[in-house]
Amino acid sequence: MTKFATQPIPSGEMPLLDRSPSHLTANSIPDYLRNVYTWAYLTPWLTGLLDRQVVVQAILWGNAQRLIRDVLAEVAPGDRIFQPAAVYGSFSRQLAEKIGPRGHLDICDIAPLQVALTRQKLGALSQVNVACRNAVDPERGEYDAVACFFLLHEVPDSVKVQVVKAMLGLVRRGGKVIFVDYHRPHRWHPLKPVMKRIFAWLEPFALAMWSSEIQGLAGSNAAEFRWSKRTRFLGLYQTVIAERFDRSEAWPNPGALAGTSPDAKCSHSDTAALG
């Protein structure tokens, strides 16, 4: 991973935050990101408005901090953590503060603008490194935990599979991958029709999260992990934890898992908005 310190800007070259979106859509950025999310992640003037905790809290209908606490509860001071995409708001800062100066947080993002923003806002935290890299092809490492916070709903289905498998491959024995994302809400959830319209308008890959289980995206790799799931806000959000079995633990027979539904393989508790 690249060192955290922001590299000096060569003479005559404009800073990343002053560039237009066309300057920031390099060939390495996937078409789906350019075509769907230029407004959200590749437009410098708009990122300053979106990268605020109050905005994230509003987007998640008041549940952002509650979901962040779900992640923080799974990590400990001194942990080595991998975060596969930049996150607006205070998520990364809270994660870095939880692991403390003896911990280590590697953050990667495929968009140069997001890398620059993350370096800028976390510059005082020596335990953080930020790199420009694709989450489907992270550098190898053995982490105590991976925190995948609202990434899967923003990528096509085929990339969802690649990301899940890549994240599972990064944790040590006994380590865990924490996925937080959208989930199919209860049948009579009052925001269900609203969210369908938002997804159709702004987030075309998100509706797939309503019909598939994250564990199912792991394929045969799922058998190496103990899975659990907790839903919040009447099912609209989920926190899925995949904990890799320790060497001292016997893996379940993969054949015994075949033919069972994803929900049957994970504990599923539903917590309302005030949970």
Protein backbone atom coordinates (compact mmCIF):
# COMPACT_ATOMS: atom_id res chain seq x y z
CA MET A 1 0.00 0.00 0.00
CA THR A 2 1.19 3.54 -0.66
CA LYS A 3 2.27 5.70 2.22
CA PHE A 4 -0.39 7.95 3.68
CA ALA A 5 1.39 11.26 3.27
CA THR A 6 0.04 13.22 0.31
CA GLN A 7 2.59 13.42 -2.48
CA PRO A 8 3.70 16.92 -3.55
CA ILE A 9 1.99 18.25 -6.68
CA PRO A 10 4.40 18.72 -9.60
CA SER A 11 4.95 22.27 -10.73
CA GLY A 12 2.27 23.43 -13.16
CA GLU A 13 -0.14 20.62 -12.29
CA MET A 14 -3.51 21.53 -10.74
CA PRO A 15 -4.54 19.95 -7.42
CA LEU A 16 -6.94 17.03 -7.62
CA LEU A 17 -9.71 18.94 -5.87
CA ASP A 18 -9.58 21.71 -8.50
CA ARG A 19 -9.90 19.42 -11.50
CA SER A 20 -13.01 18.77 -13.55
CA PRO A 21 -14.54 15.27 -13.64
CA SER A 22 -12.94 14.64 -17.04
CA HIS A 23 -9.50 15.01 -15.45
CA LEU A 24 -10.39 12.41 -12.84
CA THR A 25 -11.83 9.60 -14.98
CA ALA A 26 -8.69 7.73 -15.83
CA ASN A 27 -8.74 4.54 -17.88
CA SER A 28 -8.41 2.51 -14.68
CA ILE A 29 -11.83 3.69 -13.49
CA PRO A 30 -14.54 1.18 -14.52
CA ASP A 31 -17.23 2.24 -16.97
CA TYR A 32 -19.99 1.61 -14.43
CA LEU A 33 -18.43 4.13 -12.04
CA ARG A 34 -18.04 6.77 -14.74
CA ASN A 35 -21.50 6.20 -16.17
CA VAL A 36 -23.45 5.98 -12.91
CA TYR A 37 -21.51 7.69 -10.13
CA THR A 38 -19.58 10.59 -11.69
CA TRP A 39 -21.90 12.98 -9.86
CA ALA A 40 -21.25 11.36 -6.47
CA TYR A 41 -17.58 10.41 -6.53
CA LEU A 42 -15.83 12.09 -9.46
CA THR A 43 -17.15 15.66 -9.28
CA PRO A 44 -14.89 17.78 -7.04
CA TRP A 45 -17.31 20.59 -6.15
CA LEU A 46 -20.04 18.14 -5.13
CA THR A 47 -17.84 15.96 -2.93
CA GLY A 48 -17.43 18.84 -0.50
CA LEU A 49 -21.18 18.82 0.05
CA LEU A 50 -21.58 15.05 0.27
CA ASP A 51 -18.59 14.33 2.51
CA ARG A 52 -20.34 15.37 5.73
CA GLN A 53 -21.61 13.10 8.47
CA VAL A 54 -24.94 14.92 8.60
CA VAL A 55 -25.48 14.17 4.90
CA VAL A 56 -24.60 10.49 5.36
CA GLN A 57 -26.95 10.34 8.33
CA ALA A 58 -29.76 11.80 6.21
CA ILE A 59 -29.11 9.45 3.27
CA LEU A 60 -29.37 6.47 5.62
CA TRP A 61 -32.56 7.78 7.24
CA GLY A 62 -30.88 8.49 10.58
CA ASN A 63 -29.19 5.09 10.83
CA ALA A 64 -25.60 5.92 9.86
CA GLN A 65 -24.15 6.14 13.35
CA ARG A 66 -26.04 3.05 14.47
CA LEU A 67 -24.53 1.07 11.58
CA ILE A 68 -21.07 2.49 12.26
CA ARG A 69 -21.37 1.30 15.86
CA ASP A 70 -22.10 -2.20 14.56
CA VAL A 71 -18.71 -2.15 12.82
CA LEU A 72 -16.84 -0.61 15.74
CA ALA A 73 -18.18 -3.33 18.04
CA GLU A 74 -16.33 -5.93 15.94
CA VAL A 75 -12.85 -4.38 16.06
CA ALA A 76 -10.39 -3.81 18.89
CA PRO A 77 -7.47 -1.49 19.69
CA GLY A 78 -4.35 -2.61 17.86
CA ASP A 79 -6.22 -4.39 15.03
CA ARG A 80 -5.07 -4.33 11.41
CA ILE A 81 -8.07 -3.32 9.29
CA PHE A 82 -8.69 -3.11 5.56
CA GLN A 83 -11.35 -0.80 4.12
CA PRO A 84 -12.00 -1.47 0.41
CA ALA A 85 -13.52 1.91 -0.53
CA ALA A 86 -13.55 5.49 0.70
CA VAL A 87 -16.61 6.38 2.78
CA TYR A 88 -18.12 9.84 3.14
CA GLY A 89 -18.59 11.23 6.62
CA SER A 90 -16.74 10.18 9.77
CA PHE A 91 -16.76 6.39 9.36
CA SER A 92 -13.03 6.01 8.63
CA ARG A 93 -12.01 8.43 11.37
CA GLN A 94 -14.09 6.58 13.93
CA LEU A 95 -12.63 3.27 12.78
CA ALA A 96 -9.07 4.61 12.98
CA GLU A 97 -9.68 6.07 16.44
CA LYS A 98 -11.10 2.75 17.67
CA ILE A 99 -7.99 0.76 16.67
CA GLY A 100 -5.74 3.53 18.00
CA PRO A 101 -2.11 4.40 17.20
CA ARG A 102 -1.00 0.78 17.66
CA GLY A 103 -3.47 -0.38 15.05
CA HIS A 104 -3.31 0.00 11.29
CA LEU A 105 -6.00 0.97 8.76
CA ASP A 106 -5.43 0.46 5.04
CA ILE A 107 -7.98 2.24 2.83
CA CYS A 108 -8.14 1.84 -0.91
CA ASP A 109 -10.33 3.45 -3.56
CA ILE A 110 -10.25 3.29 -7.32
CA ALA A 111 -11.00 7.01 -7.79
CA PRO A 112 -8.05 9.42 -7.42
CA LEU A 113 -10.34 12.16 -6.15
CA GLN A 114 -11.62 9.94 -3.32
CA VAL A 115 -8.05 8.99 -2.41
CA ALA A 116 -7.11 12.67 -2.21
CA LEU A 117 -10.15 13.52 -0.08
CA THR A 118 -9.52 10.66 2.32
CA ARG A 119 -5.87 11.62 2.74
CA GLN A 120 -6.89 15.20 3.36
CA LYS A 121 -9.41 14.47 6.10
CA LEU A 122 -7.38 11.76 7.86
CA GLY A 123 -3.96 13.34 7.53
CA ALA A 124 -3.39 13.66 11.26
CA LEU A 125 -3.82 9.92 11.91
CA SER A 126 -0.51 8.11 11.52
CA GLN A 127 -2.15 4.67 11.67
CA VAL A 128 -3.90 5.24 8.30
CA ASN A 129 -2.58 4.47 4.82
CA VAL A 130 -4.54 5.29 1.67
CA ALA A 131 -3.94 3.82 -1.79
CA CYS A 132 -5.50 4.15 -5.23
CA ARG A 133 -6.48 0.57 -6.02
CA ASN A 134 -9.40 -1.57 -7.17
CA ALA A 135 -11.17 -3.49 -4.39
CA VAL A 136 -11.42 -6.59 -6.58
CA ASP A 137 -7.62 -6.74 -6.71
CA PRO A 138 -6.27 -5.64 -3.31
CA GLU A 139 -2.69 -6.19 -2.27
CA ARG A 140 -2.25 -9.40 -0.33
CA GLY A 141 -2.23 -9.21 3.42
CA GLU A 142 -3.51 -10.85 6.58
CA TYR A 143 -5.85 -8.51 8.41
CA ASP A 144 -7.70 -8.89 11.66
CA ALA A 145 -10.79 -7.47 10.00
CA VAL A 146 -12.13 -6.03 6.76
CA ALA A 147 -14.79 -3.30 6.94
CA CYS A 148 -16.86 -3.20 3.73
CA PHE A 149 -19.27 -0.32 4.37
CA PHE A 150 -21.96 0.26 1.71
CA LEU A 151 -19.80 -0.78 -1.24
CA LEU A 152 -21.60 -3.84 -2.63
CA HIS A 153 -24.80 -2.03 -3.64
CA GLU A 154 -22.77 0.34 -5.83
CA VAL A 155 -21.21 -2.28 -8.11
CA PRO A 156 -22.67 -4.65 -10.75
CA ASP A 157 -23.59 -8.18 -9.68
CA SER A 158 -20.49 -9.76 -11.19
CA VAL A 159 -18.29 -7.27 -9.32
CA LYS A 160 -20.18 -7.95 -6.08
CA VAL A 161 -19.00 -11.57 -6.31
CA GLN A 162 -15.41 -10.50 -7.00
CA VAL A 163 -15.38 -8.03 -4.11
CA VAL A 164 -16.80 -10.50 -1.59
CA LYS A 165 -14.30 -13.19 -2.55
CA ALA A 166 -11.41 -10.70 -2.48
CA MET A 167 -12.38 -9.44 0.99
CA LEU A 168 -12.71 -12.97 2.39
CA GLY A 169 -9.22 -13.70 1.14
CA LEU A 170 -7.68 -10.89 3.17
CA VAL A 171 -8.41 -12.01 6.73
CA ARG A 172 -6.33 -14.26 8.94
CA ARG A 173 -7.60 -17.36 10.72
CA GLY A 174 -9.99 -16.10 13.36
CA GLY A 175 -10.33 -12.77 11.53
CA LYS A 176 -13.59 -11.39 10.22
CA VAL A 177 -15.10 -9.53 7.30
CA ILE A 178 -17.83 -7.04 8.21
CA PHE A 179 -20.27 -6.16 5.44
CA VAL A 180 -22.77 -3.34 5.98
CA ASP A 181 -25.21 -2.63 3.18
CA TYR A 182 -28.81 -2.48 2.03
CA HIS A 183 -31.16 -5.39 2.65
CA ARG A 184 -34.70 -6.28 1.62
CA PRO A 185 -37.03 -4.34 3.99
CA HIS A 186 -40.10 -5.78 5.64
CA ARG A 187 -43.07 -6.15 3.34
CA TRP A 188 -44.92 -3.14 4.71
CA HIS A 189 -41.92 -0.88 5.30
CA PRO A 190 -43.19 2.68 4.62
CA LEU A 191 -39.99 3.60 2.74
CA LYS A 192 -39.96 0.55 0.48
CA PRO A 193 -41.53 2.31 -2.55
CA VAL A 194 -39.37 5.38 -1.94
CA MET A 195 -36.17 3.32 -1.91
CA LYS A 196 -37.21 1.52 -5.11
CA ARG A 197 -37.52 4.89 -6.85
CA ILE A 198 -34.19 6.10 -5.47
CA PHE A 199 -32.46 2.94 -6.62
CA ALA A 200 -34.02 3.20 -10.10
CA TRP A 201 -32.96 6.84 -10.38
CA LEU A 202 -29.52 6.91 -8.74
CA GLU A 203 -28.34 3.42 -7.70
CA PRO A 204 -29.15 0.85 -10.39
CA PHE A 205 -27.10 -1.94 -8.82
CA ALA A 206 -28.60 -1.64 -5.34
CA LEU A 207 -31.90 -3.47 -5.82
CA ALA A 208 -29.99 -6.74 -6.22
CA MET A 209 -29.21 -6.55 -2.50
CA TRP A 210 -32.90 -7.19 -1.85
CA SER A 211 -32.87 -10.53 -3.65
CA SER A 212 -29.49 -12.05 -2.79
CA GLU A 213 -27.60 -12.93 0.36
CA ILE A 214 -24.04 -11.73 0.83
CA GLN A 215 -23.09 -15.21 1.99
CA GLY A 216 -24.35 -16.56 -1.33
CA LEU A 217 -21.95 -14.26 -3.19
CA ALA A 218 -19.02 -16.03 -1.51
CA GLY A 219 -19.60 -19.30 -3.36
CA SER A 220 -17.55 -22.23 -2.12
CA ASN A 221 -15.41 -19.87 -0.01
CA ALA A 222 -18.35 -19.45 2.36
CA ALA A 223 -17.60 -22.82 3.97
CA GLU A 224 -14.39 -21.43 5.51
CA PHE A 225 -16.35 -18.90 7.57
CA ARG A 226 -18.92 -18.69 10.33
CA TRP A 227 -21.69 -16.35 9.16
CA SER A 228 -24.07 -14.14 11.11
CA LYS A 229 -26.45 -11.39 10.06
CA ARG A 230 -28.28 -8.58 11.84
CA THR A 231 -30.83 -6.32 10.17
CA ARG A 232 -31.81 -2.82 11.19
CA PHE A 233 -34.53 -0.26 10.46
CA LEU A 234 -37.21 -2.86 9.71
CA GLY A 235 -34.87 -4.82 7.50
CA LEU A 236 -33.64 -2.03 5.20
CA TYR A 237 -30.01 -2.42 6.33
CA GLN A 238 -27.89 -5.41 7.21
CA THR A 239 -24.64 -6.13 9.00
CA VAL A 240 -23.18 -9.46 7.93
CA ILE A 241 -20.13 -10.87 9.70
CA ALA A 242 -18.05 -13.64 8.18
CA GLU A 243 -15.54 -14.99 10.72
CA ARG A 244 -12.86 -17.27 9.32
CA PHE A 245 -12.58 -20.54 11.21
CA ASP A 246 -9.46 -20.90 13.31
CA ARG A 247 -7.13 -23.81 12.60
CA SER A 248 -8.27 -25.38 15.86
CA GLU A 249 -11.88 -25.41 14.66
CA ALA A 250 -13.33 -28.02 12.37
CA TRP A 251 -14.84 -26.62 9.18
CA PRO A 252 -18.39 -27.74 8.47
CA ASN A 253 -18.81 -30.30 5.73
CA PRO A 254 -19.46 -28.26 2.54
CA GLY A 255 -21.88 -30.95 1.42
CA ALA A 256 -23.93 -30.40 4.55
CA LEU A 257 -24.38 -26.76 3.58
CA ALA A 258 -25.49 -27.51 0.05
CA GLY A 259 -29.20 -27.11 -0.49
CA THR A 260 -29.80 -24.94 2.57
CA SER A 261 -30.87 -21.36 2.21
CA PRO A 262 -28.46 -18.55 3.15
CA ASP A 263 -30.77 -17.48 5.98
CA ALA A 264 -30.61 -21.01 7.41
CA LYS A 265 -26.85 -20.71 7.71
CA CYS A 266 -26.75 -17.47 9.65
CA SER A 267 -28.39 -16.10 12.73
CA HIS A 268 -30.86 -13.41 11.70
CA SER A 269 -32.17 -10.90 14.20
CA ASP A 270 -34.14 -7.86 13.19
CA THR A 271 -33.81 -4.60 15.07
CA ALA A 272 -36.02 -1.59 14.47
CA ALA A 273 -34.80 1.96 14.08
CA LEU A 274 -34.42 2.52 17.79
CA GLY A 275 -32.37 -0.68 18.26
